[in-house]
Protein backbone atom coordinates (compact mmCIF):
# COMPACT_ATOMS: atom_id res chain seq x y z
CA MET A 1 -20.99 -8.61 -46.68
CA ARG A 2 -21.35 -8.72 -43.10
CA CYS A 3 -18.99 -6.66 -41.06
CA LEU A 4 -16.92 -8.68 -38.75
CA ASN A 5 -16.97 -6.44 -35.98
CA ASN A 6 -18.54 -3.10 -35.22
CA SER A 7 -15.52 -1.43 -35.69
CA GLU A 8 -15.76 -1.69 -39.03
CA VAL A 9 -20.19 -0.05 -39.36
CA PRO A 10 -19.66 3.53 -40.64
CA GLY A 11 -20.13 6.25 -37.87
CA TYR A 12 -20.62 3.03 -35.24
CA THR A 13 -19.72 4.13 -31.28
CA ALA A 14 -19.05 1.70 -28.98
CA LYS A 15 -21.36 2.53 -25.70
CA ARG A 16 -19.06 3.51 -23.00
CA ALA A 17 -20.06 3.51 -19.22
CA ASP A 18 -18.60 6.09 -17.15
CA ILE A 19 -15.48 5.29 -15.42
CA ALA A 20 -17.55 6.50 -11.61
CA SER A 21 -20.90 4.55 -12.71
CA ASN A 22 -21.83 0.52 -10.88
CA GLU A 23 -22.18 -0.51 -14.70
CA TYR A 24 -18.08 -0.32 -14.95
CA SER A 25 -17.77 -1.41 -11.71
CA GLU A 26 -18.98 -4.93 -12.51
CA ARG A 27 -18.71 -5.15 -15.60
CA VAL A 28 -15.05 -3.64 -15.92
CA ALA A 29 -13.06 -2.63 -12.81
CA SER A 30 -14.30 -5.89 -10.59
CA ALA A 31 -14.08 -8.70 -12.83
CA VAL A 32 -10.52 -6.89 -13.81
CA MET A 33 -9.81 -7.21 -10.26
CA ASP A 34 -10.98 -10.81 -9.59
CA ALA A 35 -8.91 -11.82 -12.63
CA VAL A 36 -5.24 -9.89 -10.95
CA ASP A 37 -5.86 -11.14 -7.42
CA LYS A 38 -6.01 -15.04 -8.94
CA MET A 39 -2.60 -14.40 -10.54
CA PRO A 40 -0.03 -15.21 -8.65
CA VAL A 41 2.18 -12.34 -6.60
CA ALA A 42 5.04 -12.12 -8.84
CA TYR A 43 2.82 -11.21 -12.04
CA ARG A 44 0.58 -9.12 -10.06
CA GLU A 45 3.60 -6.94 -9.05
CA LEU A 46 4.00 -6.62 -12.96
CA VAL A 47 0.20 -5.09 -13.35
CA ASN A 48 1.12 -1.64 -12.21
CA GLU A 49 4.48 -1.57 -14.71
CA TYR A 50 2.82 -3.00 -18.29
CA GLY A 51 -1.36 -3.15 -17.62
CA TYR A 52 -2.92 -6.22 -16.68
CA VAL A 53 -4.09 -7.65 -20.38
CA ASP A 54 -0.38 -7.70 -21.46
CA VAL A 55 1.08 -9.37 -18.05
CA TYR A 56 -2.33 -11.99 -18.30
CA ARG A 57 -1.19 -13.08 -21.48
CA ALA A 58 2.36 -13.21 -21.53
CA TRP A 59 0.84 -15.40 -17.83
CA LYS A 60 -0.86 -17.71 -19.90
CA ARG A 61 2.44 -18.31 -22.43
CA GLY A 62 4.24 -19.62 -20.23
CA LEU A 63 6.69 -16.29 -20.18
CA THR A 64 8.07 -15.79 -16.38
CA PRO A 65 8.16 -12.69 -14.62
CA ALA A 66 11.86 -12.46 -15.61
CA GLN A 67 11.14 -12.66 -18.79
CA ILE A 68 8.47 -9.98 -18.83
CA LYS A 69 11.13 -7.64 -17.69
CA GLN A 70 13.53 -9.01 -19.65
CA ARG A 71 10.84 -7.64 -23.22
CA ALA A 72 10.32 -4.13 -21.80
CA VAL A 73 10.73 -1.79 -24.00
CA ASN A 74 9.71 1.96 -22.80
CA GLY A 75 7.37 0.52 -20.25
CA THR A 76 5.56 -1.91 -22.13
CA PHE A 77 7.43 -5.75 -24.22
CA GLN A 78 6.86 -7.77 -26.78
CA LEU A 79 4.85 -10.91 -26.96
CA SER A 80 6.42 -12.38 -30.04
């Protein structure tokens, strides 16, 4: 049986780029910052509180900034 992802392969450890490296900057940091910059201002402000991934997913699902804040519990919020 084929594993669906590498995390299911015994002994597999994903390659990690050092946060201070150019590789991390090019592949991760720049891409995330570019995506955040393209979000409406009200959502960009929420990224600092709740994180990029959760806010981006909520924005794409049509939640308003007020709805995101209403769902917030202990610094995070539930999409469902």
